[in-house]
C-alpha atoms as a PDB file:
ATOM      1  CA  MET A   1      26.120  25.430  -8.874  1.00  0.00           C
ATOM      2  CA  LYS A   2      24.661  22.990 -10.634  1.00  0.00           C
ATOM      3  CA  GLU A   3      20.776  21.327 -10.615  1.00  0.00           C
ATOM      4  CA  GLU A   4      20.613  17.715  -9.867  1.00  0.00           C
ATOM      5  CA  PHE A   5      18.622  14.818 -11.136  1.00  0.00           C
ATOM      6  CA  SER A   6      17.461  11.924 -10.360  1.00  0.00           C
ATOM      7  CA  PRO A   7      19.473   8.741 -11.919  1.00  0.00           C
ATOM      8  CA  VAL A   8      16.193   8.116 -14.719  1.00  0.00           C
ATOM      9  CA  ALA A   9      16.262  11.838 -15.446  1.00  0.00           C
ATOM     10  CA  GLN A  10      19.810  11.984 -16.079  1.00  0.00           C
ATOM     11  CA  GLY A  11      20.662   8.999 -17.487  1.00  0.00           C
ATOM     12  CA  ILE A  12      18.162  10.316 -20.409  1.00  0.00           C
ATOM     13  CA  ILE A  13      19.483  13.712 -20.154  1.00  0.00           C
ATOM     14  CA  ASP A  14      23.018  12.031 -20.917  1.00  0.00           C
ATOM     15  CA  GLY A  15      21.619  10.732 -23.782  1.00  0.00           C
ATOM     16  CA  LEU A  16      19.989  13.069 -24.993  1.00  0.00           C
ATOM     17  CA  GLN A  17      23.248  15.465 -25.540  1.00  0.00           C
ATOM     18  CA  GLU A  18      25.180  12.450 -26.866  1.00  0.00           C
ATOM     19  CA  VAL A  19      23.367  12.496 -29.462  1.00  0.00           C
ATOM     20  CA  LEU A  20      23.730  16.462 -30.108  1.00  0.00           C
ATOM     21  CA  GLU A  21      26.977  16.048 -29.974  1.00  0.00           C
ATOM     22  CA  ASP A  22      27.322  12.859 -32.731  1.00  0.00           C
ATOM     23  CA  VAL A  23      24.438  14.499 -34.448  1.00  0.00           C
ATOM     24  CA  ARG A  24      26.865  17.948 -34.916  1.00  0.00           C
ATOM     25  CA  ALA A  25      29.858  15.513 -35.586  1.00  0.00           C
ATOM     26  CA  PRO A  26      31.448  15.060 -39.225  1.00  0.00           C
ATOM     27  CA  GLN A  27      29.731  12.234 -40.716  1.00  0.00           C
ATOM     28  CA  SER A  28      32.248   9.202 -40.439  1.00  0.00           C
ATOM     29  CA  THR A  29      32.046   5.608 -42.266  1.00  0.00           C
ATOM     30  CA  LEU A  30      32.042   4.088 -38.988  1.00  0.00           C
ATOM     31  CA  LYS A  31      28.434   2.938 -37.106  1.00  0.00           C
ATOM     32  CA  LYS A  32      28.317   3.563 -33.240  1.00  0.00           C
ATOM     33  CA  THR A  33      25.805   1.888 -31.961  1.00  0.00           C
ATOM     34  CA  VAL A  34      24.633   2.897 -27.803  1.00  0.00           C
ATOM     35  CA  VAL A  35      23.667   0.541 -25.488  1.00  0.00           C
ATOM     36  CA  TYR A  36      21.224   3.024 -23.080  1.00  0.00           C
ATOM     37  CA  ARG A  37      20.819   0.455 -19.951  1.00  0.00           C
ATOM     38  CA  VAL A  38      17.705   1.119 -17.611  1.00  0.00           C
ATOM     39  CA  ASP A  39      18.347   0.053 -13.763  1.00  0.00           C
ATOM     40  CA  PRO A  40      14.558  -1.581 -12.526  1.00  0.00           C
ATOM     41  CA  ARG A  41      14.945  -0.064  -9.147  1.00  0.00           C
ATOM     42  CA  GLU A  42      15.445   3.292 -10.297  1.00  0.00           C
ATOM     43  CA  LEU A  43      12.633   2.794 -13.188  1.00  0.00           C
ATOM     44  CA  ARG A  44       9.665   1.078 -10.685  1.00  0.00           C
ATOM     45  CA  GLU A  45      11.262   3.696  -7.664  1.00  0.00           C
ATOM     46  CA  HIS A  46      10.545   6.613 -10.274  1.00  0.00           C
ATOM     47  CA  LEU A  47       7.109   5.521 -10.870  1.00  0.00           C
ATOM     48  CA  HIS A  48       6.410   4.862  -7.290  1.00  0.00           C
ATOM     49  CA  MET A  49       5.157   1.260  -7.432  1.00  0.00           C
ATOM     50  CA  SER A  50       6.417  -1.398  -4.943  1.00  0.00           C
ATOM     51  CA  GLN A  51       8.413  -4.665  -6.815  1.00  0.00           C
ATOM     52  CA  GLN A  52       4.774  -6.623  -6.791  1.00  0.00           C
ATOM     53  CA  LYS A  53       2.997  -4.027  -8.316  1.00  0.00           C
ATOM     54  CA  PHE A  54       5.224  -2.729 -10.473  1.00  0.00           C
ATOM     55  CA  SER A  55       5.120  -6.644 -11.572  1.00  0.00           C
ATOM     56  CA  LYS A  56       1.964  -6.970 -11.928  1.00  0.00           C
ATOM     57  CA  ALA A  57       1.310  -3.751 -14.002  1.00  0.00           C
ATOM     58  CA  PHE A  58       4.438  -4.987 -16.803  1.00  0.00           C
ATOM     59  CA  GLY A  59       3.492  -8.503 -16.921  1.00  0.00           C
ATOM     60  CA  ILE A  60       7.375  -9.283 -15.000  1.00  0.00           C
ATOM     61  CA  PRO A  61       7.273 -11.866 -13.196  1.00  0.00           C
ATOM     62  CA  VAL A  62       8.300 -10.272  -9.009  1.00  0.00           C
ATOM     63  CA  GLY A  63      11.009 -12.978  -8.581  1.00  0.00           C
ATOM     64  CA  THR A  64      12.498 -12.129 -11.872  1.00  0.00           C
ATOM     65  CA  LEU A  65      12.362  -8.136 -10.743  1.00  0.00           C
ATOM     66  CA  ARG A  66      13.765  -8.839  -7.842  1.00  0.00           C
ATOM     67  CA  ASN A  67      16.336 -10.059  -9.095  1.00  0.00           C
ATOM     68  CA  TRP A  68      17.500  -8.439 -11.985  1.00  0.00           C
ATOM     69  CA  GLU A  69      17.184  -5.488  -8.670  1.00  0.00           C
ATOM     70  CA  GLN A  70      19.161  -7.303  -6.386  1.00  0.00           C
ATOM     71  CA  GLY A  71      21.935  -8.031 -10.134  1.00  0.00           C
ATOM     72  CA  THR A  72      21.634 -12.047  -9.196  1.00  0.00           C
ATOM     73  CA  ARG A  73      20.180 -12.785 -13.042  1.00  0.00           C
ATOM     74  CA  LYS A  74      21.100 -10.237 -15.871  1.00  0.00           C
ATOM     75  CA  ILE A  75      18.554  -8.646 -18.154  1.00  0.00           C
ATOM     76  CA  ASP A  76      18.664 -10.001 -21.214  1.00  0.00           C
ATOM     77  CA  SER A  77      18.645  -6.837 -24.121  1.00  0.00           C
ATOM     78  CA  SER A  78      15.203  -7.981 -24.591  1.00  0.00           C
ATOM     79  CA  SER A  79      14.212  -7.608 -21.083  1.00  0.00           C
ATOM     80  CA  MET A  80      16.372  -4.056 -21.390  1.00  0.00           C
ATOM     81  CA  ALA A  81      13.818  -2.974 -24.588  1.00  0.00           C
ATOM     82  CA  TYR A  82      11.129  -3.505 -22.644  1.00  0.00           C
ATOM     83  CA  LEU A  83      12.452  -1.686 -19.481  1.00  0.00           C
ATOM     84  CA  ARG A  84      13.297   1.235 -22.185  1.00  0.00           C
ATOM     85  CA  THR A  85       9.697   1.567 -23.269  1.00  0.00           C
ATOM     86  CA  ILE A  86       8.438   1.669 -19.886  1.00  0.00           C
ATOM     87  CA  LEU A  87      10.729   4.633 -18.831  1.00  0.00           C
ATOM     88  CA  LEU A  88       9.918   6.257 -22.098  1.00  0.00           C
ATOM     89  CA  HIS A  89       5.683   5.248 -22.644  1.00  0.00           C
ATOM     90  CA  PRO A  90       4.603   3.452 -18.834  1.00  0.00           C
ATOM     91  CA  GLN A  91       0.903   4.100 -20.023  1.00  0.00           C
ATOM     92  CA  ALA A  92       1.393   2.426 -23.387  1.00  0.00           C
ATOM     93  CA  ALA A  93       3.334  -0.453 -21.379  1.00  0.00           C
ATOM     94  CA  MET A  94       0.752  -1.072 -18.751  1.00  0.00           C
ATOM     95  CA  ASP A  95      -1.817  -0.676 -21.615  1.00  0.00           C
ATOM     96  CA  ALA A  96      -0.467  -3.311 -23.738  1.00  0.00           C
ATOM     97  CA  GLN A  97      -0.163  -5.085 -20.992  1.00  0.00           C
ATOM     98  CA  LEU A  98      -4.029  -5.699 -20.621  1.00  0.00           C
ATOM     99  CA  GLY A  99      -4.699  -5.144 -23.724  1.00  0.00           C
ATOM    100  CA  VAL A 100      -6.320  -2.134 -23.987  1.00  0.00           C
END
C-alpha cells in the first residue's frame, strides 16, 4: 500500500524526484526551467494558521491572501517565490518580515 502525504509534502517529494531524474539523465544542450507552484491555502493550513495570522506573520494583506486562495487573483512570480520561501523556511521568512 502506497503511503499518502499531504499535497505540500507530495509536491516537495515530486520536485526532488524530478531533480534526481535530471541529474541522472544524459547531459543535453537544452535548458529546462521548472516552476514549482505553492497553493497558498495548503501552505497556510500546513502551518496551522488562520488567514489573519498568516497575513500578519508574512506581511501579505489578508485580502490578497483571500483572493489567491479563492482563485480570483493570480499569484505573480515574485509572490510565488516568496510562498516557496515560506514553505521551505517559514521561521526565517517570519523573522525577515519582523526585521529580526
